[in-house]
Structures are given as C-alpha cells and as structure tokens.
Amino acid sequence: MMKKITVLLILILIVSLPIFQVSAKEETLGDLRKAYEALLQEQKENDAKTEAAKREEAAKEQAKKEAEENLSKARKEEADTQEKIDESNVKIGELKASAEKTLAYLQQMKSQNAYVEYVTGASTMTDLITRIAAIEQVTKSIQDTLTSLEEEIKTNEKLKLELQEKQKALDSEIKKYQAAIQKIHQNIEEYDKFALGLPQKIQVAKDLYEAEKKTCQETIGKTSDDVVISTCTNTQIPHNYGWLKPLNRGVITSEVGTRWGEYHNALDIGGNAEGTPVYAAAAGKVTGKISKYRCGGNMLYIDVVVGGVTYTTYYYHLLKFNVNVGDIVTQNTIIGWVGGGSTSTANGGYDGCTFGAHLHFGVAKGRFTGTIQKSNVITPPGFPNQYGWRFNSRTDYWG
C-alpha cells in the first residue's frame, strides 16, 4: 500500500514540475571570432596539404625522369644488340658463301679424283696425314665458326627479347608515375581552388566580426566573446513583409538551374546599361562583400528576413559597391551599380564569368555562411524562372 502511495506521489510531482523550453542559442561575438579562426586554421591545413602534395609530385617526377632515362638506355642497348645480330647474320652469310665454295671445291676434287690425287700425292706418310688433317681442319673450322655465330645470334636474340621486356616494364612504370603525378596534380589543383575560395571566406568572416565588434563597442561599450550580437543597437536584421525587384526594369537572360553543363545559382537580369543603380530586394544586413573575384567580380551578400524566414540575397558582377559589411539597408538603399561589361576579362577586366552588363541576383534559404548551398537556392520571389520575362518596375510581381 505504501509503495503505491509513494509511486503516486512521484507521478504527481513529475506532472506538476514546470516545463522549461530551451531557446536557441543566440549568436555572440565569440561565435563570429571562432568561425573566423576556424577558416584560418582550414587554410593553414590546406596549405600544408598542398605543400605535401607538391613534394610528392616532385618525387614522382624525379622517378619518372629516371625511368625515362633507363628506357632510353634500354632502347639504345636494343638497337646495339640488333646491330650485332645484323653483323652476325652478315658474317654467317659470308661464311656460308665461302663454305659453300670450299665444300663445292672439295666435292669437285673428290668427284674428279683430285682429292685422291691430293692425298695420295703425299711424298711421305707424315705429308699424307698432314694433307688429310688440313682438309678436315678447314671443314671443322667452317662448322665451328658457323656454330659460334649461330650461338651468338641466339644469345643476342635472347638479349633483344629481354630488352624489349625491360622496355615494356619501363613504359608501364612511366605510365604509373604519370597517372600518380596527374592525380597529385589534380589534388593540388583542388587544394588551390579551395584555397582561392578560402581567402574570400576568411575576409568575409573577418569583416563581419570586426563590423559587429565595432557596433557593439559603439552602442553598449562591450566587445567580449559573450556579447550577444542582437543586443547591440542597429545590428538586428529588419523584418520585411514582401519583396521588391533589385532593379527598376530588366529582362531575365539566364535562369536558375543547369546551364552549359553547370549549375547556375541565380537569375541573370539584363536590359540595363553598366552603372544602373541596384537596390536591396529586401531590407537586411550586409554580411559579405567580395571585391574583384575571378568569377563574379564584385559580389555582395545581404541577410534578410521576409515573412519570418531568413534568406541570403546575393548580387554579383557589380560595377562598384555603395555599402559596407555590417550596414543595415532598406529596400530603397542603392547597394551598388550594374557591372559585367567593362569588368569582364573579355574586355580587359577581372571577372571571367560575364560577357556583358547584367546583374546576377540570387536568393537562398538561411543565413550567409560563406558558401551558397545549391540545396538552399530558390527562384527569387516575384520572378518566374523563365528566360525572356520582363519587368518594368520594382513592384512588378509575377505569380
């Protein structure tokens, strides 16, 4: 009975306990600092990997060079051996011709009894033996020479086959070295490509940290790691209830999706001259600014909240910027100007991913973290994902 009462009391106590809801941790200055330092460490590690790969590539290149030298030697040895074989064949041919004449002469001597006369013409027994031995010696000498030359040819033919096998092995070895070098080279390229992106990511993280730190210093007088960024005045992302176009007019010249075998993460908007003002499509906070990047040129990232949802908006190929990281912008803020013409590498500029004046405008779900994830990319609200669609005001809304 007492056990039942005890259990009942425990259940009542559990039910009556207040339920605490854990709220999501708000971002602090320390979080921004750690993100920046993590990117610095990532760059350091990638630099080390690149150097290690380069050393390995150099070692493989040296081994490949030695194998090529050995192959060259083997080919020369094969050529020399073939020359010896050819010389032996010539000698055999000459000797056979000479032997045939000698044997024919001996045969002729025998048939005409000249051989008998030659032998029996000996004046003494010693002379007789000498004459018989001389004939046998000539015959044996020819046979021995032929046998020797044939053995020499066999030896050289064997050596030639061995050299050919050696060449095949060296060829195979060189191909393996070449494949290994190519793989290492690709890894180096991957590290280099990644590293090329890291400086921009590092710059973005550094700029955002320093901008938020400065704002917190100016507004609440604190810059310690535990300072919650949203508590600093003018650092919160404004809320929006809708979207506007980033330009007063334009036409879609490229859609979101696969293009030329690659993924295109935004709408390209043409129909405007270089220098046309670009506005923020929604009010928000500038969280990234990259200058003169090899693909995208001057690129701007703004975090926005529309209808309670956080998005990253991004604007590429700008002629120049009109805002800085940390700035709060409204939908009427000119954030930059259309570029893509004079900035193109085709026209002597720095941007290799544009051939004429236009704005690359994209929207992705979530905050900007230094990378636009393909899975988060959406067609900018108010636009159809349709080539050739035109708009004539910032409030034109399709759908």
Protein backbone atom coordinates (compact mmCIF):
# COMPACT_ATOMS: atom_id res chain seq x y z
CA MET A 1 0.00 0.00 0.00
CA MET A 2 2.79 2.40 0.98
CA LYS A 3 4.64 1.61 -2.28
CA LYS A 4 1.56 2.53 -4.32
CA ILE A 5 1.19 5.84 -2.48
CA THR A 6 4.88 6.62 -2.99
CA VAL A 7 4.68 5.94 -6.73
CA LEU A 8 1.53 8.08 -6.99
CA LEU A 9 3.21 10.98 -5.20
CA ILE A 10 6.24 10.76 -7.52
CA LEU A 11 3.96 10.82 -10.59
CA ILE A 12 2.07 13.84 -9.23
CA LEU A 13 5.39 15.59 -8.54
CA ILE A 14 6.67 14.91 -12.06
CA VAL A 15 3.46 16.15 -13.67
CA SER A 16 3.40 19.28 -11.52
CA LEU A 17 7.04 20.22 -12.33
CA PRO A 18 7.28 23.29 -14.61
CA ILE A 19 8.28 22.55 -18.22
CA PHE A 20 11.26 24.61 -19.34
CA GLN A 21 11.66 25.26 -23.07
CA VAL A 22 15.27 25.59 -24.20
CA SER A 23 15.61 28.51 -26.55
CA ALA A 24 18.03 28.50 -29.44
CA LYS A 25 21.42 29.92 -28.57
CA GLU A 26 21.80 33.43 -29.92
CA GLU A 27 24.95 34.29 -31.84
CA THR A 28 27.73 36.02 -29.95
CA LEU A 29 30.85 37.91 -30.92
CA GLY A 30 32.75 34.83 -29.77
CA ASP A 31 30.91 32.70 -32.33
CA LEU A 32 31.99 35.05 -35.12
CA ARG A 33 35.57 35.09 -33.86
CA LYS A 34 35.71 31.30 -33.70
CA ALA A 35 34.25 30.98 -37.20
CA TYR A 36 36.94 33.33 -38.49
CA GLU A 37 39.73 31.45 -36.68
CA ALA A 38 38.38 28.09 -37.90
CA LEU A 39 38.71 29.31 -41.50
CA LEU A 40 42.26 30.48 -40.83
CA GLN A 41 43.09 27.00 -39.48
CA GLU A 42 41.43 25.39 -42.50
CA GLN A 43 43.58 27.49 -44.81
CA LYS A 44 46.69 26.53 -42.85
CA GLU A 45 45.83 22.82 -43.15
CA ASN A 46 45.12 23.12 -46.86
CA ASP A 47 48.39 24.97 -47.42
CA ALA A 48 50.19 22.10 -45.65
CA LYS A 49 48.36 19.53 -47.81
CA THR A 50 49.26 21.45 -50.93
CA GLU A 51 52.94 21.61 -49.99
CA ALA A 52 52.98 17.88 -49.18
CA ALA A 53 51.31 17.11 -52.50
CA LYS A 54 53.84 19.27 -54.35
CA ARG A 55 56.74 17.45 -52.66
CA GLU A 56 55.20 14.09 -53.60
CA GLU A 57 54.69 15.30 -57.16
CA ALA A 58 58.36 16.38 -57.36
CA ALA A 59 59.48 12.94 -56.12
CA LYS A 60 57.27 11.18 -58.67
CA GLU A 61 58.55 13.48 -61.42
CA GLN A 62 62.14 12.55 -60.49
CA ALA A 63 61.30 8.83 -60.51
CA LYS A 64 59.56 9.26 -63.86
CA LYS A 65 62.61 11.06 -65.24
CA GLU A 66 64.91 8.23 -64.09
CA ALA A 67 62.59 5.64 -65.63
CA GLU A 68 62.59 7.58 -68.91
CA GLU A 69 66.40 7.70 -68.85
CA ASN A 70 66.54 3.95 -68.23
CA LEU A 71 64.07 3.41 -71.05
CA SER A 72 66.25 5.47 -73.36
CA LYS A 73 69.28 3.36 -72.39
CA ALA A 74 67.33 0.13 -72.93
CA ARG A 75 66.25 1.30 -76.38
CA LYS A 76 69.86 2.11 -77.27
CA GLU A 77 71.01 -1.29 -75.95
CA GLU A 78 68.31 -2.96 -78.04
CA ALA A 79 69.45 -1.02 -81.11
CA ASP A 80 73.09 -2.01 -80.42
CA THR A 81 72.07 -5.64 -79.94
CA GLN A 82 70.10 -5.61 -83.16
CA GLU A 83 73.16 -4.18 -84.89
CA LYS A 84 75.26 -7.08 -83.52
CA ILE A 85 72.63 -9.56 -84.68
CA ASP A 86 72.68 -7.99 -88.13
CA GLU A 87 76.50 -8.12 -88.20
CA SER A 88 76.44 -11.80 -87.16
CA ASN A 89 73.91 -12.57 -89.86
CA VAL A 90 76.14 -10.85 -92.41
CA LYS A 91 79.15 -12.88 -91.21
CA ILE A 92 77.13 -16.09 -91.35
CA GLY A 93 76.04 -15.18 -94.84
CA GLU A 94 79.61 -14.51 -95.91
CA LEU A 95 80.91 -17.63 -94.18
CA LYS A 96 78.18 -19.77 -95.70
CA ALA A 97 79.04 -18.42 -99.13
CA SER A 98 82.73 -19.12 -98.53
CA ALA A 99 81.98 -22.53 -97.04
CA GLU A 100 79.78 -23.43 -99.95
CA LYS A 101 82.60 -22.57 -102.35
CA THR A 102 85.11 -24.55 -100.28
CA LEU A 103 82.84 -27.54 -99.92
CA ALA A 104 81.95 -27.37 -103.59
CA TYR A 105 85.64 -27.32 -104.41
CA LEU A 106 86.26 -30.30 -102.11
CA GLN A 107 83.32 -32.11 -103.64
CA GLN A 108 84.65 -31.31 -107.09
CA MET A 109 88.06 -32.59 -106.05
CA LYS A 110 86.51 -35.85 -104.87
CA SER A 111 84.45 -36.35 -108.00
CA GLN A 112 87.43 -35.69 -110.22
CA ASN A 113 89.72 -37.78 -108.05
CA ALA A 114 91.64 -34.57 -107.39
CA TYR A 115 91.05 -35.16 -103.68
CA VAL A 116 92.59 -38.66 -104.01
CA GLU A 117 95.42 -37.30 -106.07
CA TYR A 118 95.94 -34.55 -103.49
CA VAL A 119 96.03 -37.05 -100.65
CA THR A 120 97.95 -39.78 -102.43
CA GLY A 121 100.35 -37.28 -103.84
CA ALA A 122 101.94 -37.04 -100.48
CA SER A 123 105.64 -37.86 -100.59
CA THR A 124 105.68 -39.26 -97.10
CA MET A 125 103.27 -40.67 -94.53
CA THR A 126 103.61 -37.50 -92.49
CA ASP A 127 102.73 -35.41 -95.51
CA LEU A 128 99.73 -37.69 -96.12
CA ILE A 129 98.42 -37.24 -92.58
CA THR A 130 99.04 -33.52 -92.77
CA ARG A 131 97.07 -33.23 -96.02
CA ILE A 132 94.10 -35.21 -94.67
CA ALA A 133 94.17 -33.21 -91.40
CA ALA A 134 94.30 -29.93 -93.33
CA ILE A 135 91.14 -30.78 -95.23
CA GLU A 136 89.37 -31.90 -92.05
CA GLN A 137 90.56 -28.78 -90.23
CA VAL A 138 89.16 -26.49 -92.92
CA THR A 139 85.83 -28.30 -92.77
CA LYS A 140 85.76 -28.28 -88.96
CA SER A 141 86.78 -24.61 -88.82
CA ILE A 142 83.88 -23.69 -91.06
CA GLN A 143 81.47 -25.75 -88.97
CA ASP A 144 82.80 -24.32 -85.68
CA THR A 145 82.56 -20.76 -86.94
CA LEU A 146 79.01 -21.31 -88.15
CA THR A 147 78.05 -22.88 -84.81
CA SER A 148 79.67 -19.97 -82.90
CA LEU A 149 77.87 -17.36 -84.98
CA GLU A 150 74.56 -19.14 -84.60
CA GLU A 151 75.05 -19.29 -80.82
CA GLU A 152 75.95 -15.58 -80.84
CA ILE A 153 72.75 -14.81 -82.72
CA LYS A 154 70.70 -16.88 -80.26
CA THR A 155 72.31 -15.02 -77.34
CA ASN A 156 71.67 -11.64 -78.95
CA GLU A 157 68.09 -12.58 -79.87
CA LYS A 158 67.53 -13.54 -76.22
CA LEU A 159 69.09 -10.27 -75.08
CA LYS A 160 66.88 -8.39 -77.52
CA LEU A 161 63.76 -10.05 -76.09
CA GLU A 162 64.93 -9.24 -72.56
CA LEU A 163 65.50 -5.61 -73.56
CA GLN A 164 62.06 -5.46 -75.15
CA GLU A 165 60.51 -6.81 -71.94
CA LYS A 166 62.54 -4.26 -69.98
CA GLN A 167 61.17 -1.52 -72.20
CA LYS A 168 57.61 -2.72 -71.64
CA ALA A 169 58.19 -2.71 -67.88
CA LEU A 170 59.71 0.78 -68.02
CA ASP A 171 56.85 2.02 -70.21
CA SER A 172 54.37 0.64 -67.70
CA GLU A 173 56.34 2.20 -64.84
CA ILE A 174 56.37 5.59 -66.58
CA LYS A 175 52.59 5.40 -67.17
CA LYS A 176 52.06 4.63 -63.49
CA TYR A 177 54.23 7.57 -62.49
CA GLN A 178 52.36 9.75 -64.96
CA ALA A 179 48.98 8.67 -63.53
CA ALA A 180 50.22 9.25 -59.98
CA ILE A 181 51.56 12.68 -60.93
CA GLN A 182 48.27 13.55 -62.63
CA LYS A 183 46.30 12.52 -59.55
CA ILE A 184 48.59 14.52 -57.27
CA HIS A 185 48.34 17.46 -59.65
CA GLN A 186 44.56 17.26 -59.53
CA ASN A 187 44.70 17.21 -55.74
CA ILE A 188 46.97 20.25 -55.78
CA GLU A 189 44.52 21.97 -58.11
CA GLU A 190 41.66 21.09 -55.77
CA TYR A 191 43.56 22.46 -52.80
CA ASP A 192 44.50 25.56 -54.78
CA LYS A 193 40.92 26.09 -55.92
CA PHE A 194 39.66 25.64 -52.41
CA ALA A 195 42.39 27.91 -51.08
CA LEU A 196 41.41 30.53 -53.63
CA GLY A 197 37.96 30.44 -52.10
CA LEU A 198 39.24 30.45 -48.53
CA PRO A 199 40.82 33.93 -48.62
CA GLN A 200 37.44 35.35 -49.61
CA LYS A 201 35.66 33.33 -46.92
CA ILE A 202 38.23 34.45 -44.38
CA GLN A 203 37.82 38.06 -45.46
CA VAL A 204 34.03 37.79 -45.14
CA ALA A 205 34.29 36.26 -41.65
CA LYS A 206 36.84 38.85 -40.57
CA ASP A 207 34.85 41.80 -41.95
CA LEU A 208 31.64 40.63 -40.27
CA TYR A 209 33.36 40.02 -36.92
CA GLU A 210 35.08 43.40 -36.97
CA ALA A 211 31.90 45.21 -38.07
CA GLU A 212 29.77 43.63 -35.31
CA LYS A 213 32.52 44.20 -32.76
CA LYS A 214 32.72 47.88 -33.69
CA THR A 215 28.93 48.28 -33.48
CA CYS A 216 28.81 46.63 -30.05
CA GLN A 217 31.65 48.84 -28.83
CA GLU A 218 29.85 51.96 -30.03
CA THR A 219 26.40 51.00 -28.72
CA ILE A 220 26.86 49.05 -25.49
CA GLY A 221 30.57 49.53 -24.84
CA LYS A 222 31.37 45.81 -24.77
CA THR A 223 33.30 43.54 -27.15
CA SER A 224 33.82 40.38 -25.10
CA ASP A 225 33.10 36.96 -26.60
CA ASP A 226 29.91 36.52 -24.57
CA VAL A 227 28.21 39.61 -26.00
CA VAL A 228 25.02 38.58 -27.84
CA ILE A 229 25.07 40.36 -31.18
CA SER A 230 21.31 41.03 -31.24
CA THR A 231 21.66 43.12 -28.05
CA CYS A 232 23.82 45.67 -29.86
CA THR A 233 21.75 48.52 -31.33
CA ASN A 234 21.36 48.53 -35.13
CA THR A 235 22.70 45.01 -35.56
CA GLN A 236 19.41 43.14 -35.81
CA ILE A 237 18.16 42.15 -39.25
CA PRO A 238 14.99 44.12 -40.09
CA HIS A 239 11.80 42.22 -40.88
CA ASN A 240 10.12 42.50 -44.26
CA TYR A 241 6.61 41.65 -45.40
CA GLY A 242 7.41 41.34 -49.07
CA TRP A 243 9.98 41.60 -51.83
CA LEU A 244 10.84 44.26 -54.38
CA LYS A 245 12.84 43.94 -57.57
CA PRO A 246 16.53 44.88 -57.27
CA LEU A 247 16.25 46.99 -60.45
CA ASN A 248 13.64 49.37 -61.84
CA ARG A 249 13.37 47.31 -65.01
CA GLY A 250 15.03 44.36 -66.70
CA VAL A 251 14.72 41.07 -68.54
CA ILE A 252 15.72 37.55 -67.44
CA THR A 253 18.60 36.45 -69.65
CA SER A 254 19.50 33.27 -67.74
CA GLU A 255 17.52 31.08 -65.38
CA VAL A 256 18.23 29.28 -62.10
CA GLY A 257 19.35 25.71 -62.79
CA THR A 258 21.65 23.76 -65.09
CA ARG A 259 23.26 25.91 -67.75
CA TRP A 260 26.01 24.84 -70.18
CA GLY A 261 26.52 21.70 -68.10
CA GLU A 262 26.94 23.62 -64.84
CA TYR A 263 24.59 24.78 -62.10
CA HIS A 264 23.60 28.46 -62.23
CA ASN A 265 22.51 29.60 -58.77
CA ALA A 266 20.69 32.82 -59.68
CA LEU A 267 18.75 34.78 -62.27
CA ASP A 268 20.74 36.91 -64.69
CA ILE A 269 18.94 40.19 -65.30
CA GLY A 270 19.91 42.13 -68.40
CA GLY A 271 18.49 45.10 -70.26
CA ASN A 272 20.33 47.74 -68.23
CA ALA A 273 23.43 49.73 -69.01
CA GLU A 274 26.52 49.46 -66.86
CA GLY A 275 26.22 51.91 -63.97
CA THR A 276 22.46 51.38 -63.44
CA PRO A 277 21.60 51.54 -59.68
CA VAL A 278 20.99 48.22 -57.89
CA TYR A 279 18.70 48.21 -54.83
CA ALA A 280 18.28 45.77 -51.96
CA ALA A 281 15.38 43.45 -52.80
CA ALA A 282 14.58 43.32 -49.09
CA ALA A 283 15.79 45.25 -46.05
CA GLY A 284 18.57 43.49 -44.20
CA LYS A 285 22.17 43.45 -43.02
CA VAL A 286 25.20 43.33 -45.28
CA THR A 287 27.09 40.18 -44.26
CA GLY A 288 29.58 39.74 -47.07
CA LYS A 289 31.44 41.82 -49.63
CA ILE A 290 33.99 40.33 -52.03
CA SER A 291 35.92 42.51 -54.46
CA LYS A 292 37.11 41.60 -57.95
CA TYR A 293 36.68 37.85 -57.61
CA ARG A 294 37.78 35.80 -60.63
CA CYS A 295 34.21 34.58 -61.20
CA GLY A 296 31.53 37.02 -60.07
CA GLY A 297 33.64 40.14 -59.80
CA ASN A 298 32.29 42.43 -57.08
CA MET A 299 29.87 40.32 -55.04
CA LEU A 300 27.57 41.44 -52.23
CA TYR A 301 25.66 39.31 -49.69
CA ILE A 302 22.76 40.61 -47.59
CA ASP A 303 20.91 38.60 -44.94
CA VAL A 304 17.18 39.37 -44.88
CA VAL A 305 14.10 38.18 -43.00
CA VAL A 306 10.90 38.08 -45.06
CA GLY A 307 7.68 36.76 -43.57
CA GLY A 308 9.63 35.43 -40.61
CA VAL A 309 12.01 33.38 -42.80
CA THR A 310 15.73 34.14 -43.07
CA TYR A 311 17.31 34.32 -46.52
CA THR A 312 20.62 35.23 -48.07
CA THR A 313 20.34 37.57 -51.05
CA TYR A 314 23.35 37.95 -53.31
CA TYR A 315 24.27 40.33 -56.09
CA TYR A 316 27.21 39.60 -58.46
CA HIS A 317 29.05 41.47 -61.24
CA LEU A 318 28.57 44.86 -59.57
CA LEU A 319 30.50 47.76 -61.07
CA LYS A 320 31.17 49.01 -57.55
CA PHE A 321 29.73 48.89 -54.02
CA ASN A 322 27.78 51.51 -52.13
CA VAL A 323 27.59 49.73 -48.74
CA ASN A 324 29.90 48.00 -46.27
CA VAL A 325 29.72 44.82 -44.20
CA GLY A 326 27.59 45.37 -41.10
CA ASP A 327 25.45 48.09 -42.71
CA ILE A 328 21.69 47.89 -42.29
CA VAL A 329 19.98 48.55 -45.61
CA THR A 330 16.39 49.25 -46.60
CA GLN A 331 14.60 48.38 -49.81
CA ASN A 332 15.37 51.89 -51.06
CA THR A 333 19.12 51.64 -50.42
CA ILE A 334 21.30 51.70 -53.52
CA ILE A 335 23.73 48.90 -52.70
CA GLY A 336 25.79 49.18 -55.87
CA TRP A 337 25.67 49.59 -59.64
CA VAL A 338 25.32 47.15 -62.54
CA GLY A 339 28.64 45.94 -63.94
CA GLY A 340 29.71 42.98 -66.05
CA GLY A 341 30.74 44.87 -69.16
CA SER A 342 33.99 46.72 -68.52
CA THR A 343 34.69 44.32 -65.62
CA SER A 344 34.72 41.27 -67.92
CA THR A 345 38.04 39.62 -68.71
CA ALA A 346 36.92 39.67 -72.34
CA ASN A 347 37.13 43.47 -72.10
CA GLY A 348 40.33 43.60 -70.09
CA GLY A 349 38.67 43.35 -66.66
CA TYR A 350 38.95 40.84 -63.81
CA ASP A 351 35.66 38.90 -63.99
CA GLY A 352 35.87 35.73 -66.08
CA CYS A 353 32.19 34.82 -65.72
CA THR A 354 30.48 37.65 -67.58
CA PHE A 355 30.38 38.84 -71.18
CA GLY A 356 28.19 41.93 -70.84
CA ALA A 357 26.40 44.24 -68.44
CA HIS A 358 23.90 42.40 -66.21
CA LEU A 359 23.04 41.60 -62.59
CA HIS A 360 23.37 38.08 -61.18
CA PHE A 361 20.64 38.10 -58.50
CA GLY A 362 20.07 35.13 -56.22
CA VAL A 363 18.20 34.09 -53.10
CA ALA A 364 18.98 31.15 -50.81
CA LYS A 365 17.29 29.98 -47.62
CA GLY A 366 19.24 30.57 -44.41
CA ARG A 367 21.96 32.97 -43.33
CA PHE A 368 25.10 33.57 -45.35
CA THR A 369 27.90 31.32 -44.07
CA GLY A 370 30.48 31.98 -46.76
CA THR A 371 29.05 29.41 -49.18
CA ILE A 372 25.83 29.31 -51.16
CA GLN A 373 24.48 25.77 -50.86
CA LYS A 374 22.77 24.51 -54.03
CA SER A 375 20.09 22.79 -51.92
CA ASN A 376 19.10 26.14 -50.38
CA VAL A 377 18.86 28.12 -53.63
CA ILE A 378 15.34 29.20 -54.70
CA THR A 379 13.99 31.23 -57.57
CA PRO A 380 13.87 34.83 -56.27
CA PRO A 381 10.29 35.53 -55.08
CA GLY A 382 8.25 37.60 -57.51
CA PHE A 383 10.13 36.22 -60.52
CA PRO A 384 9.28 33.35 -62.86
CA ASN A 385 12.22 31.10 -63.64
CA GLN A 386 11.66 31.96 -67.27
CA TYR A 387 14.02 33.25 -69.92
CA GLY A 388 12.83 36.48 -71.56
CA TRP A 389 10.42 37.57 -68.79
CA ARG A 390 10.43 41.35 -68.41
CA PHE A 391 9.51 43.68 -65.57
CA ASN A 392 9.07 47.43 -65.73
CA SER A 393 9.00 48.44 -62.08
CA ARG A 394 10.29 47.26 -58.74
CA THR A 395 6.78 46.25 -57.72
CA ASP A 396 6.05 44.02 -60.74
CA TYR A 397 5.20 40.69 -59.16
CA TRP A 398 4.79 37.51 -61.16
CA GLY A 399 2.65 34.71 -59.85
